[in-house]
Amino acid sequence: MDSGDARNLSRSAQNAIRRKAVKAVVEGGMSQTKAATVYGASRTTVCLWVKAYRQEGEAGLVSKPKGRPKGGKLTNKQMESIKKSVLGKNPEQLRLPGLLWTRDLVGALIERRFGLRLSRWTVGRHLKEWGLTPQKPAKRTMEQNPAQVKYWLEHKYVAIQQQAKAEKAKIWWGDETGLRSDHQAGTTWGEKGVTPVVKCSGKRFGCNAITAITNQGDLSFMVFEGRFTAKVFLEFLGRMVKQLEGRKVFLVVDRHSVHKAKKVKEWLVEHEDKIRLFLLPPYSPELNPDELANQDIKRYIFREGKAKDKPELKGKLRGFLRSWQRRPYKVKKYFEGKHVAYAKAA
């Protein structure tokens, strides 16, 4: 039986041929090669029919609609609804699989909400028209409390600013960072398909730093070795108080256990006329401008070459931070980020 070019047949006729071919293979024991010859299809096509039947049963043999999906067009109101959902929620929140929006998932949302089937290309065109582009999402911990972040932005930090003005204090933002000899950042040009090689010391070593910045371009730092402990932190605070004698310090930091240590609290009580410590909302590093400064340290510290040993690494780190101290305009730029712009005002 040679049915000729099955593409010219009706959908019902095509479905009938599929069922006969699969029955001949599955129940009649006919080889897929012979079934392909008998029913006018390629061996690969028959193989796919059999696979679909075994996975989905008779439903797997029903031909799918061809050509462009005829789903109609979205109205302006429907477009606004989908755009709002894409920008305001992730797929999982709308009972769709996944956490990141793709054209297919946006299309699935459109079909579920409005009964319109649009091709992924049409969906992509709509996304572009709405001013949306594929982007790498920023990470936020699941433990972050949006209400606490909102309170910090709208009330807590405003109160800190008012208090700093009343006490003639300067607001600093502090954070800690670590550097390792095997850290690799940035890209280089090379032949396609051949990964470039950067030589570095086989020894592993590192050092750490505490930094603090202001929106006026000030930078204070301390380079140290070993773990970040209450003793190390108190040494840094003592240096700040001594260096900035005559101007009270308001230091904003995250909720690292060292920042909340008993020894630190006791020391702060003794020096409350010179320095105060304020803690950011839990799991909210994006609210700290000094996080951006520390990202730059790791991005640029090895630009001129790798360190051969720990003393050289510490020297590179100190040199970089001192160069930033001489360039307050660079430090000020860390307060222009989307999530830290609230701290830009004096």
Protein backbone atom coordinates (compact mmCIF):
# COMPACT_ATOMS: atom_id res chain seq x y z
CA MET A 1 0.00 0.00 0.00
CA ASP A 2 1.62 3.22 -1.16
CA SER A 3 -0.39 6.26 -0.22
CA GLY A 4 1.89 8.67 -2.10
CA ASP A 5 2.77 11.98 -0.44
CA ALA A 6 0.85 11.87 2.83
CA ARG A 7 1.21 15.64 3.24
CA ASN A 8 -1.49 16.10 0.59
CA LEU A 9 -3.97 13.98 2.53
CA SER A 10 -6.52 15.28 5.03
CA ARG A 11 -5.69 15.20 8.74
CA SER A 12 -8.11 12.30 9.31
CA ALA A 13 -6.47 10.29 6.50
CA GLN A 14 -3.00 11.03 7.91
CA ASN A 15 -4.11 9.87 11.35
CA ALA A 16 -5.50 6.65 9.83
CA ILE A 17 -2.18 5.89 8.12
CA ARG A 18 -0.32 6.45 11.40
CA ARG A 19 -2.59 4.08 13.28
CA LYS A 20 -2.28 1.35 10.60
CA ALA A 21 1.51 1.64 10.44
CA VAL A 22 1.91 1.54 14.23
CA LYS A 23 -0.52 -1.41 14.53
CA ALA A 24 1.43 -3.30 11.90
CA VAL A 25 4.69 -2.75 13.82
CA VAL A 26 3.48 -3.10 17.41
CA GLU A 27 0.88 -5.85 16.97
CA GLY A 28 1.76 -7.43 13.64
CA GLY A 29 5.52 -7.62 14.18
CA MET A 30 6.30 -5.81 10.92
CA SER A 31 9.70 -4.15 10.80
CA GLN A 32 9.76 -0.35 10.82
CA THR A 33 11.65 -0.37 7.53
CA LYS A 34 8.96 -2.42 5.80
CA ALA A 35 6.16 -0.36 7.41
CA ALA A 36 7.80 2.77 6.02
CA THR A 37 7.72 1.29 2.51
CA VAL A 38 4.18 0.00 2.80
CA TYR A 39 2.65 3.17 4.23
CA GLY A 40 4.66 5.72 2.24
CA ALA A 41 6.73 7.26 5.03
CA SER A 42 10.39 7.37 5.99
CA ARG A 43 11.75 4.89 8.51
CA THR A 44 12.51 7.79 10.91
CA THR A 45 8.90 8.97 10.71
CA VAL A 46 7.57 5.49 11.50
CA CYS A 47 10.01 5.29 14.41
CA LEU A 48 8.65 8.56 15.78
CA TRP A 49 5.05 7.33 15.39
CA VAL A 50 5.81 4.19 17.35
CA LYS A 51 7.63 6.16 20.07
CA ALA A 52 4.71 8.60 20.37
CA TYR A 53 2.23 5.72 20.61
CA ARG A 54 4.21 4.02 23.37
CA GLN A 55 4.45 7.28 25.34
CA GLU A 56 0.98 8.75 24.80
CA GLY A 57 -1.17 5.99 23.33
CA GLU A 58 -3.67 6.83 20.56
CA ALA A 59 -3.43 10.56 21.44
CA GLY A 60 0.19 10.56 20.30
CA LEU A 61 -0.85 9.63 16.77
CA VAL A 62 -3.14 12.61 16.22
CA SER A 63 -1.55 15.13 13.84
CA LYS A 64 -0.90 18.60 15.18
CA PRO A 65 -2.13 21.78 13.46
CA LYS A 66 0.40 23.15 10.98
CA GLY A 67 1.40 26.64 10.02
CA ARG A 68 1.13 29.76 12.15
CA PRO A 69 -1.07 29.43 15.23
CA LYS A 70 -4.41 31.07 14.53
CA GLY A 71 -4.95 32.59 17.93
CA GLY A 72 -6.03 36.11 17.13
CA LYS A 73 -4.47 39.28 18.48
CA LEU A 74 -3.97 40.73 21.93
CA THR A 75 -5.87 43.89 22.78
CA ASN A 76 -4.05 46.78 24.45
CA LYS A 77 -5.72 45.91 27.75
CA GLN A 78 -4.60 42.29 27.48
CA MET A 79 -1.05 43.38 26.66
CA GLU A 80 -0.92 45.56 29.78
CA SER A 81 -2.17 42.64 31.87
CA ILE A 82 0.53 40.27 30.60
CA LYS A 83 3.29 42.88 30.90
CA LYS A 84 2.28 43.62 34.48
CA SER A 85 2.41 39.92 35.35
CA VAL A 86 5.84 39.42 33.75
CA LEU A 87 7.32 42.41 35.58
CA GLY A 88 5.61 41.79 38.90
CA LYS A 89 5.73 38.01 39.38
CA ASN A 90 7.74 34.96 38.41
CA PRO A 91 6.17 31.99 36.54
CA GLU A 92 6.01 29.82 39.66
CA GLN A 93 3.83 32.40 41.43
CA LEU A 94 1.35 32.09 38.56
CA ARG A 95 1.44 28.27 38.68
CA LEU A 96 3.66 27.92 35.64
CA PRO A 97 6.83 25.79 35.66
CA GLY A 98 10.05 27.68 36.40
CA LEU A 99 11.31 30.87 38.01
CA LEU A 100 12.45 32.73 34.88
CA TRP A 101 10.26 34.09 32.08
CA THR A 102 10.82 32.67 28.59
CA ARG A 103 8.87 33.34 25.41
CA ASP A 104 7.23 29.93 25.73
CA LEU A 105 6.10 30.61 29.30
CA VAL A 106 4.78 34.05 28.39
CA GLY A 107 2.90 32.38 25.52
CA ALA A 108 1.49 29.78 27.94
CA LEU A 109 0.29 32.57 30.23
CA ILE A 110 -1.41 34.33 27.31
CA GLU A 111 -3.13 31.12 26.22
CA ARG A 112 -4.29 30.28 29.73
CA ARG A 113 -5.53 33.76 30.49
CA PHE A 114 -7.08 34.76 27.17
CA GLY A 115 -7.34 31.53 25.13
CA LEU A 116 -5.02 32.90 22.41
CA ARG A 117 -2.24 30.75 20.91
CA LEU A 118 0.67 32.89 19.75
CA SER A 119 3.96 31.65 18.30
CA ARG A 120 7.09 32.23 20.35
CA TRP A 121 8.24 34.68 17.66
CA THR A 122 5.07 36.75 18.07
CA VAL A 123 5.49 36.64 21.84
CA GLY A 124 9.09 37.78 21.46
CA ARG A 125 7.98 40.65 19.24
CA HIS A 126 5.45 41.73 21.86
CA LEU A 127 8.05 41.61 24.63
CA LYS A 128 10.36 43.81 22.58
CA GLU A 129 7.54 46.27 21.87
CA TRP A 130 6.82 46.47 25.60
CA GLY A 131 10.42 47.55 26.23
CA LEU A 132 11.47 44.23 27.77
CA THR A 133 14.78 42.48 27.08
CA PRO A 134 16.28 39.16 28.28
CA GLN A 135 18.43 39.93 31.31
CA LYS A 136 20.42 38.07 33.94
CA PRO A 137 18.39 38.42 37.13
CA ALA A 138 19.86 39.73 40.36
CA LYS A 139 19.84 37.27 43.22
CA ARG A 140 17.73 37.87 46.32
CA THR A 141 17.61 35.46 49.21
CA MET A 142 14.28 33.84 49.95
CA GLU A 143 14.71 34.83 53.60
CA GLN A 144 14.64 38.57 52.84
CA ASN A 145 11.58 40.30 54.30
CA PRO A 146 10.22 42.95 51.86
CA ALA A 147 8.36 44.69 54.69
CA GLN A 148 11.62 45.18 56.62
CA VAL A 149 13.35 46.53 53.51
CA LYS A 150 10.48 48.96 52.92
CA TYR A 151 10.59 50.12 56.54
CA TRP A 152 14.34 50.69 56.28
CA LEU A 153 14.02 52.76 53.10
CA GLU A 154 10.99 54.81 54.13
CA HIS A 155 11.51 55.24 57.86
CA LYS A 156 14.64 53.83 59.50
CA TYR A 157 17.25 55.38 57.23
CA VAL A 158 15.39 58.70 57.17
CA ALA A 159 15.57 58.71 60.98
CA ILE A 160 19.32 57.92 60.86
CA GLN A 161 19.87 60.87 58.50
CA GLN A 162 17.95 63.22 60.78
CA GLN A 163 19.83 61.98 63.82
CA ALA A 164 23.19 62.36 62.04
CA LYS A 165 22.32 65.93 61.13
CA ALA A 166 21.30 66.73 64.71
CA GLU A 167 24.51 65.23 66.16
CA LYS A 168 26.74 66.52 63.32
CA ALA A 169 27.78 62.96 62.51
CA LYS A 170 28.92 61.54 59.17
CA ILE A 171 27.23 58.39 57.83
CA TRP A 172 29.61 55.64 56.73
CA TRP A 173 28.83 52.31 55.05
CA GLY A 174 31.04 49.37 55.94
CA ASP A 175 31.64 45.83 54.69
CA GLU A 176 34.27 43.10 54.62
CA THR A 177 35.78 41.30 51.64
CA GLY A 178 38.35 38.61 50.97
CA LEU A 179 40.83 38.05 48.13
CA ARG A 180 42.31 34.74 46.98
CA SER A 181 45.31 34.19 44.77
CA ASP A 182 43.31 31.92 42.43
CA HIS A 183 40.50 34.42 41.86
CA GLN A 184 39.82 35.01 38.16
CA ALA A 185 37.67 37.86 36.83
CA GLY A 186 37.27 39.48 33.43
CA THR A 187 37.73 38.17 29.89
CA THR A 188 40.44 38.11 27.24
CA TRP A 189 40.47 37.64 23.47
CA GLY A 190 41.42 34.29 22.05
CA GLU A 191 40.88 31.89 19.16
CA LYS A 192 37.35 30.55 18.89
CA GLY A 193 37.08 27.13 20.48
CA VAL A 194 40.45 27.43 22.23
CA THR A 195 40.30 28.54 25.87
CA PRO A 196 43.04 31.11 26.67
CA VAL A 197 45.40 30.18 29.53
CA VAL A 198 46.40 32.62 32.29
CA LYS A 199 49.41 31.55 34.33
CA CYS A 200 49.34 32.13 38.09
CA SER A 201 51.00 30.82 41.21
CA GLY A 202 50.11 27.25 42.18
CA LYS A 203 50.19 28.33 45.83
CA ARG A 204 46.90 29.32 47.42
CA PHE A 205 46.93 32.31 49.70
CA GLY A 206 44.69 35.23 50.50
CA CYS A 207 44.04 38.29 52.59
CA ASN A 208 41.04 40.30 53.72
CA ALA A 209 39.98 43.89 54.09
CA ILE A 210 37.43 45.98 55.93
CA THR A 211 36.28 49.04 54.02
CA ALA A 212 33.97 51.95 54.82
CA ILE A 213 32.80 54.70 52.45
CA THR A 214 30.65 57.84 52.51
CA ASN A 215 28.54 59.49 49.83
CA GLN A 216 31.01 62.38 49.90
CA GLY A 217 33.79 60.18 48.56
CA ASP A 218 35.60 59.25 51.79
CA LEU A 219 37.20 55.81 52.07
CA SER A 220 38.64 54.14 55.16
CA PHE A 221 40.12 50.64 55.13
CA MET A 222 42.16 48.05 56.99
CA VAL A 223 43.89 45.04 55.43
CA PHE A 224 44.24 41.98 57.63
CA GLU A 225 44.99 38.24 57.56
CA GLY A 226 42.98 35.39 59.00
CA ARG A 227 39.37 35.27 60.09
CA PHE A 228 37.16 38.29 60.60
CA THR A 229 36.68 38.43 64.38
CA ALA A 230 35.41 40.87 67.00
CA LYS A 231 39.03 41.75 67.81
CA VAL A 232 39.74 42.65 64.17
CA PHE A 233 36.53 44.66 63.88
CA LEU A 234 37.22 46.60 67.09
CA GLU A 235 40.70 47.44 65.81
CA PHE A 236 39.13 48.93 62.68
CA LEU A 237 36.54 50.87 64.69
CA GLY A 238 39.29 52.20 66.95
CA ARG A 239 41.25 53.41 63.93
CA MET A 240 38.18 55.17 62.52
CA VAL A 241 37.46 56.94 65.80
CA LYS A 242 41.10 58.07 66.07
CA GLN A 243 41.40 59.20 62.45
CA LEU A 244 38.07 61.06 62.49
CA GLU A 245 38.43 62.60 65.92
CA GLY A 246 36.14 65.59 66.22
CA ARG A 247 33.45 64.14 63.92
CA LYS A 248 31.04 61.48 65.18
CA VAL A 249 30.75 58.33 63.10
CA PHE A 250 27.49 56.62 62.14
CA LEU A 251 28.52 53.27 60.62
CA VAL A 252 25.96 51.18 58.69
CA VAL A 253 26.83 47.48 58.28
CA ASP A 254 25.12 44.15 57.63
CA ARG A 255 24.14 41.66 60.32
CA HIS A 256 27.33 39.61 60.40
CA SER A 257 27.67 37.81 63.75
CA VAL A 258 30.81 39.84 64.51
CA HIS A 259 28.88 43.10 64.22
CA LYS A 260 26.50 41.84 66.91
CA ALA A 261 29.14 40.28 69.18
CA LYS A 262 29.00 41.01 72.92
CA LYS A 263 32.50 42.53 72.97
CA VAL A 264 31.56 44.88 70.12
CA LYS A 265 28.36 45.99 71.88
CA GLU A 266 30.26 46.67 75.10
CA TRP A 267 32.91 48.69 73.25
CA LEU A 268 30.26 50.73 71.46
CA VAL A 269 28.59 51.62 74.76
CA GLU A 270 31.93 52.94 76.05
CA HIS A 271 32.40 55.04 72.90
CA GLU A 272 28.81 56.03 72.15
CA ASP A 273 29.80 59.72 72.12
CA LYS A 274 32.12 59.03 69.15
CA ILE A 275 30.56 56.22 67.12
CA ARG A 276 27.27 54.39 66.61
CA LEU A 277 26.54 51.20 64.69
CA PHE A 278 23.39 50.63 62.61
CA LEU A 279 22.38 47.28 61.11
CA LEU A 280 20.82 46.83 57.67
CA PRO A 281 17.70 44.65 57.26
CA PRO A 282 18.54 40.90 57.26
CA TYR A 283 19.65 39.37 53.93
CA SER A 284 19.79 42.73 52.14
CA PRO A 285 23.38 43.27 50.87
CA GLU A 286 22.07 45.14 47.82
CA LEU A 287 21.18 48.08 50.10
CA ASN A 288 24.84 48.63 51.02
CA PRO A 289 26.89 50.84 48.62
CA ASP A 290 30.10 49.35 50.02
CA GLU A 291 29.12 46.03 48.42
CA LEU A 292 29.67 47.70 45.04
CA ALA A 293 33.09 48.93 46.15
CA ASN A 294 34.09 45.41 47.15
CA GLN A 295 32.94 44.09 43.78
CA ASP A 296 35.31 46.55 42.12
CA ILE A 297 38.17 45.39 44.31
CA LYS A 298 37.79 41.84 43.04
CA ARG A 299 37.22 43.04 39.48
CA TYR A 300 40.29 45.29 39.17
CA ILE A 301 42.87 44.10 41.71
CA PHE A 302 44.49 41.59 39.35
CA ARG A 303 44.16 43.68 36.19
CA GLU A 304 47.91 44.29 36.04
CA GLY A 305 48.91 40.73 36.90
CA LYS A 306 48.61 38.03 39.53
CA ALA A 307 50.35 38.23 42.90
CA LYS A 308 53.21 35.78 43.45
CA ASP A 309 52.82 35.60 47.23
CA LYS A 310 50.78 36.95 50.13
CA PRO A 311 52.90 40.11 50.76
CA GLU A 312 52.50 41.09 47.10
CA LEU A 313 48.75 40.45 47.25
CA LYS A 314 48.42 42.64 50.34
CA GLY A 315 50.49 45.31 48.63
CA LYS A 316 48.26 45.27 45.56
CA LEU A 317 45.16 45.54 47.74
CA ARG A 318 46.53 48.46 49.77
CA GLY A 319 47.71 50.20 46.62
CA PHE A 320 44.29 49.90 45.00
CA LEU A 321 42.45 51.22 48.06
CA ARG A 322 44.87 54.13 48.49
CA SER A 323 44.40 55.08 44.86
CA TRP A 324 40.63 55.17 45.48
CA GLN A 325 41.19 57.40 48.53
CA ARG A 326 42.79 59.92 46.18
CA ARG A 327 39.82 59.70 43.80
CA PRO A 328 36.68 60.56 45.82
CA TYR A 329 34.66 60.92 42.63
CA LYS A 330 35.06 57.17 42.08
CA VAL A 331 33.80 56.39 45.57
CA LYS A 332 30.81 58.68 45.07
CA LYS A 333 29.76 56.62 42.04
CA TYR A 334 29.05 53.64 44.27
CA PHE A 335 26.01 55.55 45.53
CA GLU A 336 24.47 55.83 42.06
CA GLY A 337 23.35 52.20 41.82
CA LYS A 338 19.66 51.46 41.54
CA HIS A 339 19.29 49.91 44.99
CA VAL A 340 21.61 52.29 46.87
CA ALA A 341 20.62 55.64 45.36
CA TYR A 342 18.55 56.31 48.51
CA ALA A 343 21.87 56.76 50.39
CA LYS A 344 23.23 59.31 47.90
CA ALA A 345 21.64 62.32 49.61
CA ALA A 346 23.63 63.80 52.45
